[in-house]
Protein backbone atom coordinates (compact mmCIF):
# COMPACT_ATOMS: atom_id res chain seq x y z
CA MET A 1 -12.26 6.91 -4.04
CA ALA A 2 -9.88 8.61 -1.61
CA ARG A 3 -10.66 12.00 -3.15
CA ARG A 4 -14.37 11.40 -2.63
CA LEU A 5 -13.79 10.55 1.04
CA VAL A 6 -11.71 13.70 1.54
CA ALA A 7 -14.29 15.85 -0.28
CA THR A 8 -17.07 14.47 1.93
CA GLY A 9 -15.23 15.52 5.06
CA PHE A 10 -13.74 12.27 6.31
CA PRO A 11 -10.27 12.60 7.86
CA VAL A 12 -8.21 10.39 5.56
CA ALA A 13 -4.80 8.75 5.63
CA VAL A 14 -3.61 7.28 2.32
CA TRP A 15 -0.93 4.81 1.34
CA ASN A 16 0.04 3.52 -2.08
CA ARG A 17 2.85 1.15 -3.01
CA SER A 18 3.84 3.76 -5.62
CA ALA A 19 4.53 6.61 -3.20
CA ASP A 20 4.27 9.36 -5.83
CA LYS A 21 0.64 8.44 -6.43
CA ALA A 22 -0.18 9.23 -2.80
CA GLN A 23 1.66 12.56 -2.54
CA ALA A 24 -1.05 14.53 -4.34
CA PHE A 25 -3.43 13.87 -1.45
CA ALA A 26 -1.32 15.89 0.97
CA ALA A 27 -2.44 19.08 -0.76
CA LEU A 28 -6.05 18.01 -0.27
CA GLY A 29 -5.60 17.65 3.47
CA ALA A 30 -5.06 13.90 3.71
CA ARG A 31 -2.17 12.40 5.62
CA VAL A 32 0.24 10.42 3.47
CA ALA A 33 1.13 7.28 5.44
CA GLU A 34 4.44 5.43 5.29
CA SER A 35 2.90 1.95 5.24
CA PRO A 36 -0.47 0.19 5.44
CA GLU A 37 0.25 -0.29 9.13
CA ASP A 38 0.79 3.45 9.57
CA ALA A 39 -2.37 4.30 7.63
CA ALA A 40 -4.54 1.91 9.65
CA ALA A 41 -3.14 2.40 13.16
CA THR A 42 -5.68 4.97 14.37
CA ALA A 43 -8.39 4.54 11.74
CA GLU A 44 -11.99 3.64 12.48
CA VAL A 45 -12.43 2.43 8.89
CA VAL A 46 -9.70 0.84 6.76
CA LEU A 47 -10.35 0.37 3.04
CA SER A 48 -8.15 -1.46 0.55
CA MET A 49 -8.30 -1.32 -3.25
CA VAL A 50 -5.50 -3.37 -4.84
CA ALA A 51 -4.96 -5.67 -7.80
CA ASP A 52 -5.37 -9.26 -6.61
CA ASP A 53 -5.16 -11.79 -3.77
CA ALA A 54 -1.39 -11.48 -3.45
CA ALA A 55 -1.52 -7.69 -3.14
CA SER A 56 -4.41 -7.92 -0.69
CA LEU A 57 -2.50 -10.41 1.45
CA GLU A 58 0.51 -8.11 1.50
CA VAL A 59 -1.31 -4.89 2.44
CA TRP A 60 -3.38 -6.56 5.17
CA CYS A 61 -1.04 -9.23 6.53
CA GLY A 62 2.49 -8.39 5.37
CA ALA A 63 5.33 -7.31 7.63
CA HIS A 64 3.92 -3.77 7.74
CA GLY A 65 0.36 -4.70 6.83
CA ALA A 66 -2.73 -3.00 8.18
CA LEU A 67 -3.49 -5.83 10.60
CA SER A 68 -0.12 -5.36 12.29
CA ARG A 69 -1.44 -2.48 14.38
CA ILE A 70 -5.16 -2.37 13.82
CA ARG A 71 -7.56 -0.61 16.17
CA HIS A 72 -9.89 -2.99 18.05
CA GLY A 73 -13.41 -2.59 16.69
CA ALA A 74 -12.32 -1.02 13.40
CA LEU A 75 -14.32 -1.61 10.24
CA LEU A 76 -12.21 -3.26 7.52
CA ILE A 77 -13.34 -3.15 3.88
CA ASP A 78 -11.58 -4.80 0.97
CA SER A 79 -12.92 -3.35 -2.27
CA SER A 80 -10.43 -5.22 -4.44
CA THR A 81 -11.60 -7.90 -6.84
CA ILE A 82 -10.34 -10.89 -4.88
CA SER A 83 -11.21 -14.58 -4.77
CA PRO A 84 -14.05 -15.64 -2.43
CA PRO A 85 -11.82 -18.09 -0.48
CA TRP A 86 -9.38 -15.29 0.31
CA ALA A 87 -12.26 -12.97 1.25
CA VAL A 88 -13.55 -15.57 3.71
CA GLU A 89 -10.08 -16.10 5.15
CA LEU A 90 -9.51 -12.37 5.49
CA SER A 91 -12.86 -12.02 7.24
CA GLY A 92 -11.71 -14.61 9.77
CA ARG A 93 -8.43 -12.78 10.33
CA ALA A 94 -10.31 -9.53 10.88
CA THR A 95 -12.60 -11.20 13.42
CA ALA A 96 -9.56 -12.57 15.26
CA HIS A 97 -8.38 -8.96 15.66
CA GLY A 98 -11.76 -7.89 17.02
CA CYS A 99 -12.76 -6.07 13.82
CA ASP A 100 -15.72 -6.03 11.46
CA PHE A 101 -15.06 -6.96 7.84
CA LEU A 102 -16.72 -6.65 4.45
CA ASP A 103 -15.57 -7.82 1.04
CA ALA A 104 -17.10 -4.98 -0.97
CA PRO A 105 -15.81 -4.68 -4.53
CA VAL A 106 -17.33 -2.14 -6.88
CA THR A 107 -18.92 -1.98 -10.29
CA GLY A 108 -17.76 0.96 -12.35
CA SER A 109 -14.26 2.08 -13.24
CA ARG A 110 -12.13 5.23 -13.15
CA VAL A 111 -14.86 7.58 -14.36
CA GLN A 112 -17.42 6.36 -11.83
CA ALA A 113 -14.86 6.42 -9.02
CA ALA A 114 -13.99 10.05 -9.79
CA SER A 115 -17.64 11.13 -9.90
CA GLY A 116 -18.68 9.11 -6.84
CA ASP A 117 -21.03 6.89 -8.83
CA LEU A 118 -19.72 3.45 -7.86
CA LEU A 119 -21.96 0.59 -6.77
CA PHE A 120 -20.63 -1.51 -3.88
CA VAL A 121 -21.37 -5.23 -3.73
CA ALA A 122 -20.85 -6.36 -0.14
CA GLY A 123 -20.30 -9.71 1.53
CA GLY A 124 -20.58 -9.91 5.32
CA ASP A 125 -23.07 -9.36 8.12
CA ALA A 126 -26.02 -7.06 7.45
CA ARG A 127 -25.16 -5.15 10.63
CA VAL A 128 -21.70 -4.38 9.26
CA VAL A 129 -23.13 -3.30 5.90
CA ASP A 130 -25.34 -0.81 7.74
CA ARG A 131 -22.33 0.43 9.70
CA ALA A 132 -20.47 1.03 6.42
CA ARG A 133 -23.26 2.86 4.58
CA PRO A 134 -21.99 6.42 5.30
CA VAL A 135 -18.57 5.47 3.91
CA PHE A 136 -20.09 3.80 0.85
CA ALA A 137 -22.34 6.82 0.27
CA ALA A 138 -19.31 9.10 -0.03
CA MET A 139 -17.93 7.02 -2.89
CA GLY A 140 -20.98 5.43 -4.46
CA SER A 141 -24.20 7.28 -5.23
CA ARG A 142 -25.61 3.98 -6.49
CA GLY A 143 -25.42 2.59 -2.96
CA VAL A 144 -24.60 -0.91 -1.80
CA VAL A 145 -26.02 -4.35 -2.57
CA HIS A 146 -25.73 -6.82 0.30
CA ALA A 147 -24.92 -10.02 -1.57
CA GLY A 148 -24.76 -12.34 1.46
CA PRO A 149 -22.18 -13.60 3.96
CA ALA A 150 -18.41 -13.14 3.68
CA GLY A 151 -17.16 -13.96 0.20
CA SER A 152 -20.48 -13.19 -1.48
CA GLY A 153 -19.45 -9.73 -2.63
CA ALA A 154 -16.28 -11.12 -4.18
CA ARG A 155 -18.27 -13.92 -5.85
CA LEU A 156 -20.86 -11.59 -7.39
CA LYS A 157 -18.13 -9.22 -8.60
CA LEU A 158 -16.35 -12.08 -10.37
CA ILE A 159 -19.61 -13.11 -12.02
CA ASN A 160 -20.11 -9.51 -13.16
CA ASN A 161 -16.58 -9.31 -14.53
CA PHE A 162 -16.53 -12.65 -16.31
CA VAL A 163 -19.70 -11.65 -18.17
CA CYS A 164 -17.96 -8.38 -19.10
CA GLY A 165 -14.90 -10.32 -20.28
CA VAL A 166 -17.04 -12.63 -22.42
CA GLN A 167 -18.82 -9.65 -23.97
CA ALA A 168 -15.52 -7.89 -24.67
CA ALA A 169 -14.04 -10.97 -26.34
CA ALA A 170 -17.12 -11.45 -28.53
CA LEU A 171 -17.14 -7.76 -29.39
CA ALA A 172 -13.45 -7.79 -30.37
CA GLU A 173 -14.03 -10.78 -32.64
CA ALA A 174 -17.08 -9.08 -34.17
CA ILE A 175 -15.13 -5.90 -34.94
CA VAL A 176 -12.27 -7.81 -36.54
CA LEU A 177 -14.77 -9.79 -38.64
CA MET A 178 -16.43 -6.55 -39.73
CA GLU A 179 -13.09 -5.11 -40.79
CA ARG A 180 -11.81 -8.20 -42.59
CA GLY A 181 -15.20 -8.77 -44.20
CA GLY A 182 -15.09 -5.36 -45.83
CA LEU A 183 -17.81 -3.72 -43.75
CA ASN A 184 -17.64 -0.05 -42.85
CA LEU A 185 -17.04 -0.07 -39.09
CA ALA A 186 -18.56 3.38 -38.67
CA THR A 187 -21.91 2.13 -39.98
CA ALA A 188 -21.73 -1.55 -38.95
CA LEU A 189 -20.79 -1.19 -35.27
CA PRO A 190 -23.83 0.98 -34.37
CA VAL A 191 -26.07 -1.84 -35.58
CA LEU A 192 -24.78 -3.88 -32.62
CA GLN A 193 -24.66 -0.97 -30.22
CA ASP A 194 -28.19 0.19 -30.91
CA GLY A 195 -29.67 -3.29 -31.27
CA ALA A 196 -30.27 -6.24 -28.98
CA PRO A 197 -26.55 -6.76 -28.11
CA GLY A 198 -26.18 -3.11 -27.14
CA SER A 199 -25.17 -3.33 -23.47
CA PRO A 200 -23.35 -0.38 -21.88
CA LEU A 201 -20.12 -2.36 -22.36
CA VAL A 202 -20.76 -2.96 -26.06
CA LYS A 203 -21.47 0.74 -26.49
CA GLY A 204 -18.59 2.13 -24.46
CA VAL A 205 -15.88 -0.44 -25.16
CA GLY A 206 -16.97 -0.70 -28.78
CA ASN A 207 -16.34 3.01 -29.26
CA ARG A 208 -12.90 2.69 -27.67
CA MET A 209 -12.02 -0.27 -29.89
CA ALA A 210 -13.13 1.64 -32.97
CA ALA A 211 -11.17 4.75 -31.93
CA ARG A 212 -8.16 2.67 -30.79
CA ASP A 213 -8.27 4.49 -27.46
CA TYR A 214 -6.65 2.24 -24.86
CA SER A 215 -5.94 4.66 -22.02
CA VAL A 216 -6.60 2.60 -18.93
CA ASN A 217 -10.01 2.51 -17.31
CA PHE A 218 -9.70 -1.21 -16.56
CA MET A 219 -6.44 -2.95 -17.32
CA LEU A 220 -6.49 -5.93 -19.67
CA GLY A 221 -4.25 -7.93 -17.32
CA HIS A 222 -6.78 -7.44 -14.52
CA MET A 223 -9.53 -8.87 -16.71
CA ARG A 224 -7.31 -11.92 -17.36
CA LYS A 225 -6.97 -12.32 -13.59
CA ASP A 226 -10.70 -11.92 -12.98
CA LEU A 227 -11.59 -14.50 -15.63
CA SER A 228 -9.14 -16.93 -13.99
CA TYR A 229 -10.60 -16.29 -10.53
CA ALA A 230 -14.14 -16.72 -11.89
CA ILE A 231 -13.27 -20.03 -13.56
CA ALA A 232 -11.76 -21.30 -10.29
CA GLU A 233 -14.87 -20.21 -8.40
CA GLY A 234 -17.05 -21.98 -10.96
CA GLN A 235 -15.05 -25.17 -10.43
CA ARG A 236 -15.66 -24.94 -6.67
CA HIS A 237 -19.40 -24.94 -7.40
CA GLY A 238 -19.46 -27.45 -10.25
CA VAL A 239 -20.00 -24.88 -13.02
CA SER A 240 -17.51 -25.08 -15.89
CA LEU A 241 -17.95 -21.50 -17.21
CA GLU A 242 -17.05 -22.54 -20.73
CA THR A 243 -17.69 -19.06 -22.13
CA ALA A 244 -15.27 -17.60 -19.59
CA ARG A 245 -12.66 -20.20 -20.56
CA THR A 246 -12.99 -19.29 -24.21
CA ALA A 247 -12.73 -15.58 -23.43
CA LEU A 248 -9.65 -16.23 -21.31
CA THR A 249 -7.87 -17.90 -24.23
CA GLU A 250 -8.34 -14.65 -26.16
CA PHE A 251 -7.12 -12.49 -23.27
CA ASP A 252 -4.15 -14.82 -22.72
CA ARG A 253 -2.90 -13.88 -26.18
CA ALA A 254 -2.05 -10.47 -24.71
CA ALA A 255 0.23 -11.93 -22.03
CA GLY A 256 3.77 -10.68 -22.49
CA THR A 257 2.70 -7.92 -24.87
CA PRO A 258 2.28 -4.19 -24.19
CA TRP A 259 -1.48 -4.65 -24.62
CA ASN A 260 -1.61 -6.51 -21.29
CA ASP A 261 -1.02 -3.21 -19.48
CA ALA A 262 -3.45 -1.23 -21.65
CA ASP A 263 -7.21 -0.97 -21.23
CA PHE A 264 -9.00 -4.27 -21.86
CA ALA A 265 -10.50 -2.74 -25.00
CA ALA A 266 -7.04 -3.36 -26.48
CA LEU A 267 -8.00 -7.02 -26.84
CA VAL A 268 -9.17 -6.10 -30.33
CA GLU A 269 -5.58 -5.21 -31.28
CA VAL A 270 -4.40 -8.68 -30.30
CA LEU A 271 -6.99 -10.15 -32.64
CA ARG A 272 -6.29 -7.62 -35.39
CA GLN A 273 -2.66 -8.76 -35.39
């Protein structure tokens, strides 16, 4: 995402908690900041993409967080997959600093981020969404969906991800059943992929499961987190999300194993074992 902003001509400052991951941007013309506070101090737009609520809290509100020295009137965008309650709270904190805010997570993963083909799902005022469109356009050729007020982008993203998690869990079980039932995976799996179940996830993740390719596009541990956040959000609205709960029990089997840090396609290995 940062590379796309630089390539589009935005002056960019970058910060990452793993400093070596930020250093490459210096050669591209970006300024490597020493902290979130340093990165945000003079910025008109501040964008965060981190793992969860705790990381988001730290980069925005920690001792050297972006809100420590934010520019009045800046546009703040959190594109992390966070919980709706935290998105609403963060929106309030941004308003208290005289800033606009959007919770605007994305659909798509590493490949789409690199090619600038992300879709942003935004929660916040329509006026602020319009203000952010040039920034979104640099990173997402698929544009932006305005989901509603603050927290709505986070909510829709969790719904998207829990459905992905449910599909991945069912697909992993199906592949293991094919293998243990004596079916030829090379001929059996395409029946699912080319038939009614053949979503983009079933096609793409199914191929990775079959090839045992678990280089990270979307970390398994992050899917566990997203399923947990989605279940909590369902509880707040009186929806039990039983399929998400069942999927989470499968993903929880990876906790404490190396598969937790691999791509979520590695769920099939947990079931194979």
